[in-house]
Amino acid sequence: MTPTFDKVHNKFKLNAITYGYHDLTDIGYSLVKEGEPYSKVLGRFLLDWMDEKDHIIVMTSGSTGRPKPIKIKKQAMVNSAIATGDFFNLKPGDKALMCLPADYIAGKMMLIRGLILGLELDVVQPSLNPEINTNKVYDFCAMLPAQLCNSIAAIDNFKTIIVGGAAISNELLDKIQLAKPKIFETYGMTESITHIAARPINRSAGGENFNNAIFKCLPNIEISQNEADCLQIEASHLFDGCITTNDIVKLHSKTEFEWLGRIDNVINSAGIKLHPEQIEQKLSSHISQRFFVSSEVDDAIGEKLILVIEGDSNQIDKNAFQDLSKYETPKQVYAIPAFKETESGKIKRKETIKLLK
C-alpha cells in the first residue's frame, strides 16, 4: 500500500531525533524562528508541507530561461521518493545526508525521502564544501558535482551517492573510479520531481563500462522521442500528461536512453550538427577553469564553433584539442572574467555570450 503525504514513517529521524507527522509543524516554526538561514528555508518548506493544500509551489532552476513557479502535488513527491527508494534499495533506518539547499526540488526531495522511507537524515549547511561527519557512514546522499569533487577525502563514508545538476568532468570521473560507494549520475528536472533515470559512473556501481553507461529509468517511467529526437517522458504517478524536453537522446530500449545534448545548443557548422556537451566532455580533462562551447555567425559556414573560458586570458594548453575531430575543434577562443549564472550555479550560456558583444 502506497503511503500518503499525511504520514511519516516511524523510523524517520532528523538530526538524530525521532519525529512524527504532528511534530513537523512545530519543527517548521522553530526552524523559521531560530534557525540559520538554510534552516529557515527548510522550516518554511515543512510548514508548506503541513498546510491544508494538496500541493506545493516550487521554483524551476532557471537553467533554460527565467525561474518560474510550478505546482507539484504532495502525493507525487511521495511517489517519487518511493521510486527512488526502490531503485537504490533504501530501507527504513538507513542513514542519509542532506547537503543540498531546500530552496529547490533536489533538496526538498531529500527531506521527503527521509519522511516517507524512514531514513535517519542529517542536515548540514548547503555548501560546495559540505561538512561531513567522518565518524559516520551514510547509506545515501545527493550531491552536485562540485560537492562530490570537494568531498573526495570523505567519499568512503558513503555507500551510494547520486550526482546531478551540472556536467560531470572527466577529471572527476577519474577521481571516483576506485571509490567504495556506488556513484550514479541522475537525469531529471523540477517538473519531473528530480530524477527519473540514473546511470552508473564508477566501477562499484557499474563495472568497467562506466564511460558508455546509459541512463536507466526508475519504475513506472515511460519514455519516447519526438520528431526532433528529443526525450519525452510520461509518468502518471508524478505528473499529468507528457513532458517534452529539449534533450536530444538515443533510445536503447523502452526504459533506457543515452543523452546526447540539448537541442537549443546544437550547432550547425557547414552542414555538420555538433553537440557542445559532447565536445565539452572531451575538453574537460584539459581545461581547469569553467568553460563552454558555443557558436557565432559565419558567412561561409553558417555557424563557427567557439570556446568561451572564464578568466582573464584566452590562452590554453596547445594539446587541449587533441581529442577533437576537425569539425569539433573551436575556431576561436574567448575569455570572459565572470560567467552569468543561475542562483543554483548553472551557467547561463546565452546571457554570457552577450558579454562578448
Protein backbone atom coordinates (compact mmCIF):
# COMPACT_ATOMS: atom_id res chain seq x y z
CA MET A 1 0.00 0.00 0.00
CA THR A 2 1.42 3.39 -1.03
CA PRO A 3 1.93 5.82 1.88
CA THR A 4 0.05 9.11 1.69
CA PHE A 5 1.58 12.56 2.17
CA ASP A 6 -0.08 12.99 5.58
CA LYS A 7 2.01 10.20 7.09
CA VAL A 8 5.57 9.95 8.42
CA HIS A 9 7.47 6.68 8.70
CA ASN A 10 8.06 5.67 12.33
CA LYS A 11 11.77 5.18 11.61
CA PHE A 12 12.28 8.77 10.43
CA LYS A 13 14.86 10.82 12.29
CA LEU A 14 16.02 14.37 11.67
CA ASN A 15 19.48 15.14 13.04
CA ALA A 16 19.26 12.04 15.31
CA ILE A 17 15.82 12.93 16.80
CA THR A 18 12.66 10.92 16.05
CA TYR A 19 9.67 12.96 14.87
CA GLY A 20 6.11 12.05 13.96
CA TYR A 21 3.79 13.75 11.49
CA HIS A 22 2.22 16.04 14.05
CA ASP A 23 5.65 17.23 15.21
CA LEU A 24 6.52 18.68 11.83
CA THR A 25 4.61 21.93 12.22
CA ASP A 26 6.39 22.70 15.49
CA ILE A 27 9.75 21.88 13.91
CA GLY A 28 8.95 24.17 10.99
CA TYR A 29 8.04 27.09 13.23
CA SER A 30 11.13 26.53 15.38
CA LEU A 31 13.47 26.47 12.37
CA VAL A 32 11.91 29.58 10.85
CA LYS A 33 12.16 31.46 14.14
CA GLU A 34 15.54 30.33 15.47
CA GLY A 35 17.42 28.52 12.71
CA GLU A 36 20.31 29.51 10.48
CA PRO A 37 19.31 30.94 7.06
CA TYR A 38 19.44 27.49 5.41
CA SER A 39 17.37 26.03 8.27
CA LYS A 40 14.76 28.76 7.89
CA VAL A 41 14.25 27.65 4.27
CA LEU A 42 13.83 24.06 5.46
CA GLY A 43 11.36 25.24 8.11
CA ARG A 44 9.25 27.13 5.59
CA PHE A 45 9.09 24.05 3.39
CA LEU A 46 7.92 21.95 6.35
CA LEU A 47 5.15 24.47 7.03
CA ASP A 48 4.13 24.33 3.36
CA TRP A 49 4.11 20.53 3.57
CA MET A 50 1.84 20.65 6.62
CA ASP A 51 -0.72 23.17 5.32
CA GLU A 52 -4.19 22.22 4.04
CA LYS A 53 -3.21 22.25 0.36
CA ASP A 54 -2.52 19.06 -1.61
CA HIS A 55 0.35 20.71 -3.49
CA ILE A 56 3.38 22.94 -3.06
CA ILE A 57 4.81 25.68 -5.27
CA VAL A 58 8.38 25.09 -6.45
CA MET A 59 10.67 27.33 -8.48
CA THR A 60 12.39 25.86 -11.52
CA SER A 61 16.17 26.22 -11.68
CA GLY A 62 16.24 28.78 -14.49
CA SER A 63 18.93 26.96 -16.48
CA THR A 64 16.98 27.31 -19.74
CA GLY A 65 15.11 30.52 -19.03
CA ARG A 66 13.81 32.59 -16.17
CA PRO A 67 12.98 30.63 -12.99
CA LYS A 68 9.23 30.15 -12.75
CA PRO A 69 6.87 28.79 -10.11
CA ILE A 70 5.17 25.47 -10.81
CA LYS A 71 2.64 23.46 -8.82
CA ILE A 72 3.62 19.96 -7.69
CA LYS A 73 1.28 17.60 -5.87
CA LYS A 74 2.47 16.39 -2.49
CA GLN A 75 1.40 12.83 -3.26
CA ALA A 76 3.51 12.93 -6.42
CA MET A 77 6.53 13.82 -4.28
CA VAL A 78 5.75 10.82 -2.07
CA ASN A 79 5.54 8.62 -5.17
CA SER A 80 8.90 9.96 -6.38
CA ALA A 81 10.50 9.20 -3.01
CA ILE A 82 9.22 5.63 -3.13
CA ALA A 83 10.56 5.13 -6.67
CA THR A 84 13.99 6.36 -5.56
CA GLY A 85 13.88 4.03 -2.57
CA ASP A 86 13.04 1.06 -4.77
CA PHE A 87 15.67 1.89 -7.39
CA PHE A 88 18.51 2.37 -4.90
CA ASN A 89 17.30 -0.25 -2.39
CA LEU A 90 16.90 2.19 0.51
CA LYS A 91 15.47 0.72 3.71
CA PRO A 92 13.91 2.15 6.90
CA GLY A 93 16.66 3.15 9.30
CA ASP A 94 19.20 3.84 6.56
CA LYS A 95 21.31 6.92 7.19
CA ALA A 96 21.25 9.79 4.68
CA LEU A 97 22.98 13.17 4.41
CA MET A 98 21.19 16.26 3.11
CA CYS A 99 23.72 18.83 1.88
CA LEU A 100 21.58 20.47 -0.84
CA PRO A 101 19.52 23.62 -0.18
CA ALA A 102 15.79 23.21 0.45
CA ASP A 103 15.14 26.16 -1.89
CA TYR A 104 14.97 23.80 -4.87
CA ILE A 105 13.34 20.46 -5.60
CA ALA A 106 16.50 18.35 -5.12
CA GLY A 107 16.87 19.49 -1.52
CA LYS A 108 13.14 19.27 -0.78
CA MET A 109 13.07 15.69 -2.05
CA MET A 110 15.87 14.62 0.28
CA LEU A 111 13.63 15.58 3.21
CA ILE A 112 10.58 13.84 1.70
CA ARG A 113 12.60 10.66 1.15
CA GLY A 114 13.52 10.78 4.81
CA LEU A 115 9.92 11.28 5.93
CA ILE A 116 8.42 8.61 3.68
CA LEU A 117 11.16 5.95 3.57
CA GLY A 118 12.03 6.22 7.25
CA LEU A 119 15.60 7.44 6.81
CA GLU A 120 17.80 8.86 9.54
CA LEU A 121 18.50 12.20 7.89
CA ASP A 122 21.34 14.51 8.90
CA VAL A 123 21.03 18.07 7.53
CA VAL A 124 24.14 20.22 7.10
CA GLN A 125 24.59 23.71 5.73
CA PRO A 126 24.46 23.68 1.91
CA SER A 127 27.95 24.42 0.63
CA LEU A 128 30.28 23.42 -2.19
CA ASN A 129 32.40 22.01 0.65
CA PRO A 130 29.79 20.16 2.73
CA GLU A 131 30.63 19.33 6.32
CA ILE A 132 30.72 15.53 6.57
CA ASN A 133 30.86 13.60 9.84
CA THR A 134 33.73 11.23 9.09
CA ASN A 135 32.84 9.10 12.12
CA LYS A 136 29.60 8.09 10.43
CA VAL A 137 28.77 6.02 7.35
CA TYR A 138 25.85 7.23 5.23
CA ASP A 139 23.81 4.89 3.07
CA PHE A 140 22.64 7.63 0.71
CA CYS A 141 23.43 11.20 -0.36
CA ALA A 142 22.62 13.54 -3.27
CA MET A 143 25.33 15.98 -4.36
CA LEU A 144 26.30 18.45 -7.02
CA PRO A 145 29.43 17.52 -9.00
CA ALA A 146 31.40 20.31 -7.27
CA GLN A 147 30.37 18.97 -3.86
CA LEU A 148 31.45 15.46 -4.79
CA CYS A 149 34.78 16.77 -6.08
CA ASN A 150 35.40 18.59 -2.80
CA SER A 151 34.37 15.56 -0.73
CA ILE A 152 36.81 13.03 -2.17
CA ALA A 153 38.67 12.75 1.16
CA ALA A 154 35.45 11.59 2.86
CA ILE A 155 33.98 9.64 -0.03
CA ASP A 156 34.33 6.25 1.67
CA ASN A 157 31.87 7.45 4.32
CA PHE A 158 29.07 6.82 1.81
CA LYS A 159 27.53 3.69 0.31
CA THR A 160 25.52 5.30 -2.51
CA ILE A 161 25.87 8.81 -3.96
CA ILE A 162 23.73 10.34 -6.67
CA VAL A 163 25.11 13.32 -8.61
CA GLY A 164 23.25 15.81 -10.77
CA GLY A 165 22.56 19.45 -11.53
CA ALA A 166 25.62 20.06 -13.73
CA ALA A 167 28.02 18.31 -16.08
CA ILE A 168 30.47 15.80 -14.63
CA SER A 169 34.03 16.31 -15.84
CA ASN A 170 36.40 13.57 -16.94
CA GLU A 171 38.72 14.69 -14.14
CA LEU A 172 36.03 13.95 -11.54
CA LEU A 173 35.19 10.64 -13.21
CA ASP A 174 38.84 9.61 -12.89
CA LYS A 175 38.89 10.54 -9.20
CA ILE A 176 35.90 8.39 -8.27
CA GLN A 177 36.64 5.22 -10.22
CA LEU A 178 38.18 3.24 -7.36
CA ALA A 179 35.98 4.74 -4.64
CA LYS A 180 33.97 2.34 -2.47
CA PRO A 181 30.49 3.89 -2.83
CA LYS A 182 28.24 3.24 -5.78
CA ILE A 183 28.01 6.57 -7.62
CA PHE A 184 25.29 7.39 -10.14
CA GLU A 185 24.63 10.35 -12.39
CA THR A 186 20.95 11.27 -12.42
CA TYR A 187 18.71 12.75 -15.10
CA GLY A 188 15.69 14.85 -14.26
CA MET A 189 14.25 18.30 -13.72
CA THR A 190 11.97 20.20 -11.37
CA GLU A 191 8.91 19.32 -13.46
CA SER A 192 9.65 15.58 -13.12
CA ILE A 193 10.25 15.94 -9.35
CA THR A 194 14.04 15.41 -9.65
CA HIS A 195 15.45 12.31 -11.30
CA ILE A 196 13.51 9.93 -13.49
CA ALA A 197 16.63 7.98 -14.55
CA ALA A 198 20.18 7.23 -13.43
CA ARG A 199 23.38 5.73 -14.80
CA PRO A 200 26.40 4.25 -13.01
CA ILE A 201 29.59 6.31 -13.32
CA ASN A 202 32.12 4.36 -11.26
CA ARG A 203 33.25 0.76 -11.06
CA SER A 204 31.47 -0.01 -7.81
CA ALA A 205 28.18 0.99 -9.41
CA GLY A 206 28.54 -0.39 -12.90
CA GLY A 207 31.69 -2.34 -13.63
CA GLU A 208 34.15 -1.39 -16.35
CA ASN A 209 31.80 0.25 -18.88
CA PHE A 210 31.02 3.40 -16.90
CA ASN A 211 32.12 5.71 -19.73
CA ASN A 212 29.48 4.26 -22.04
CA ALA A 213 26.81 3.65 -19.41
CA ILE A 214 23.30 4.64 -20.41
CA PHE A 215 20.51 6.05 -18.28
CA LYS A 216 18.02 3.54 -16.90
CA CYS A 217 14.58 4.78 -15.93
CA LEU A 218 13.13 4.47 -12.45
CA PRO A 219 9.98 2.34 -12.00
CA ASN A 220 6.81 3.34 -13.91
CA ILE A 221 8.53 5.84 -16.22
CA GLU A 222 7.65 5.71 -19.94
CA ILE A 223 9.94 7.39 -22.48
CA SER A 224 9.78 8.15 -26.20
CA GLN A 225 11.12 10.69 -28.72
CA ASN A 226 9.51 13.41 -30.79
CA GLU A 227 10.36 14.20 -34.41
CA ALA A 228 13.43 16.20 -33.32
CA ASP A 229 14.76 13.21 -31.31
CA CYS A 230 14.04 14.99 -28.01
CA LEU A 231 13.15 12.91 -24.97
CA GLN A 232 9.50 12.69 -23.96
CA ILE A 233 8.52 11.48 -20.50
CA GLU A 234 5.24 10.09 -19.21
CA ALA A 235 4.76 9.21 -15.55
CA SER A 236 1.17 9.39 -14.34
CA HIS A 237 2.22 8.87 -10.71
CA LEU A 238 4.35 12.05 -10.87
CA PHE A 239 2.62 14.46 -13.27
CA ASP A 240 -0.23 14.72 -15.76
CA GLY A 241 0.33 14.41 -19.47
CA CYS A 242 3.69 14.25 -21.22
CA ILE A 243 6.83 16.30 -20.62
CA THR A 244 8.67 17.08 -23.86
CA THR A 245 12.25 18.00 -23.01
CA ASN A 246 14.88 19.88 -25.02
CA ASP A 247 17.29 16.97 -24.57
CA ILE A 248 18.34 15.03 -27.65
CA VAL A 249 18.68 11.34 -26.81
CA LYS A 250 19.28 7.95 -28.36
CA LEU A 251 16.82 5.34 -27.13
CA HIS A 252 18.28 1.92 -26.33
CA SER A 253 15.03 0.38 -25.06
CA LYS A 254 11.68 1.43 -23.62
CA THR A 255 13.42 2.22 -20.33
CA GLU A 256 17.00 3.14 -21.36
CA PHE A 257 18.49 6.09 -23.19
CA GLU A 258 21.74 7.86 -24.00
CA TRP A 259 21.87 11.63 -23.52
CA LEU A 260 23.49 13.49 -26.45
CA GLY A 261 22.89 17.17 -25.68
CA ARG A 262 20.31 19.96 -25.71
CA ILE A 263 18.55 20.85 -28.93
CA ASP A 264 18.82 24.57 -28.16
CA ASN A 265 22.62 24.22 -28.01
CA VAL A 266 23.08 22.25 -31.26
CA ILE A 267 25.47 23.97 -33.68
CA ASN A 268 25.15 23.59 -37.46
CA SER A 269 28.59 24.24 -38.89
CA ALA A 270 28.98 23.69 -42.64
CA GLY A 271 26.11 21.20 -42.53
CA ILE A 272 27.60 19.21 -39.62
CA LYS A 273 25.47 19.07 -36.45
CA LEU A 274 27.64 19.42 -33.36
CA HIS A 275 26.59 18.81 -29.76
CA PRO A 276 28.53 21.23 -27.49
CA GLU A 277 28.06 19.00 -24.43
CA GLN A 278 29.91 16.10 -26.07
CA ILE A 279 32.77 18.39 -27.11
CA GLU A 280 32.91 19.86 -23.60
CA GLN A 281 33.23 16.37 -22.13
CA LYS A 282 36.31 15.75 -24.29
CA LEU A 283 37.82 19.12 -23.31
CA SER A 284 37.18 18.79 -19.58
CA SER A 285 40.40 16.84 -18.95
CA HIS A 286 42.50 19.63 -20.48
CA ILE A 287 40.92 22.86 -19.19
CA SER A 288 40.89 23.55 -15.46
CA GLN A 289 38.65 26.64 -15.31
CA ARG A 290 34.97 26.83 -16.21
CA PHE A 291 34.22 26.91 -19.93
CA PHE A 292 31.61 26.08 -22.54
CA VAL A 293 31.39 25.62 -26.30
CA SER A 294 29.10 27.83 -28.39
CA SER A 295 29.00 29.42 -31.84
CA GLU A 296 28.94 32.70 -33.68
CA VAL A 297 27.63 33.59 -37.13
CA ASP A 298 29.98 32.90 -40.03
CA ASP A 299 29.13 33.92 -43.59
CA ALA A 300 30.92 30.95 -45.12
CA ILE A 301 29.83 28.02 -42.93
CA GLY A 302 26.74 29.36 -41.14
CA GLU A 303 27.92 28.88 -37.55
CA LYS A 304 31.52 28.90 -36.35
CA LEU A 305 32.42 26.86 -33.27
CA ILE A 306 33.90 28.91 -30.42
CA LEU A 307 35.25 28.15 -26.95
CA VAL A 308 34.44 30.52 -24.07
CA ILE A 309 36.63 30.37 -20.95
CA GLU A 310 36.01 32.01 -17.59
CA GLY A 311 39.09 34.08 -16.76
CA ASP A 312 41.27 36.93 -17.92
CA SER A 313 43.21 35.07 -20.60
CA ASN A 314 42.14 33.06 -23.62
CA GLN A 315 45.42 31.13 -23.70
CA ILE A 316 45.04 27.37 -23.20
CA ASP A 317 47.29 24.32 -23.47
CA LYS A 318 48.06 23.58 -27.12
CA ASN A 319 47.16 19.94 -26.52
CA ALA A 320 43.65 20.75 -25.29
CA PHE A 321 42.13 19.96 -28.68
CA GLN A 322 43.93 16.66 -29.24
CA ASP A 323 40.81 14.52 -28.64
CA LEU A 324 38.64 16.54 -31.03
CA SER A 325 37.89 15.98 -34.71
CA LYS A 326 38.46 18.84 -37.13
CA TYR A 327 34.75 19.67 -37.02
CA GLU A 328 34.74 19.73 -33.20
CA THR A 329 37.80 21.98 -32.88
CA PRO A 330 36.89 25.56 -31.88
CA LYS A 331 37.85 28.19 -34.44
CA GLN A 332 38.11 30.95 -31.82
CA VAL A 333 38.80 31.11 -28.07
CA TYR A 334 37.36 33.91 -25.93
CA ALA A 335 37.84 34.78 -22.25
CA ILE A 336 35.20 36.35 -20.01
CA PRO A 337 36.14 37.36 -16.43
CA ALA A 338 32.92 36.01 -14.87
CA PHE A 339 30.12 33.94 -16.40
CA LYS A 340 26.45 34.74 -15.90
CA GLU A 341 24.80 32.02 -13.83
CA THR A 342 21.57 30.97 -12.17
CA GLU A 343 21.04 31.07 -8.41
CA SER A 344 21.93 27.38 -8.30
CA GLY A 345 25.25 28.00 -10.09
CA LYS A 346 24.42 26.78 -13.61
CA ILE A 347 25.98 28.76 -16.45
CA LYS A 348 23.62 30.95 -18.47
CA ARG A 349 25.17 30.42 -21.87
CA LYS A 350 23.14 32.88 -23.92
CA GLU A 351 23.49 35.70 -21.40
CA THR A 352 27.20 35.04 -21.07
CA ILE A 353 27.69 35.14 -24.83
CA LYS A 354 26.12 38.60 -24.89
CA LEU A 355 29.09 39.83 -22.85
CA LEU A 356 31.30 39.26 -25.89
CA LYS A 357 29.47 41.93 -27.88
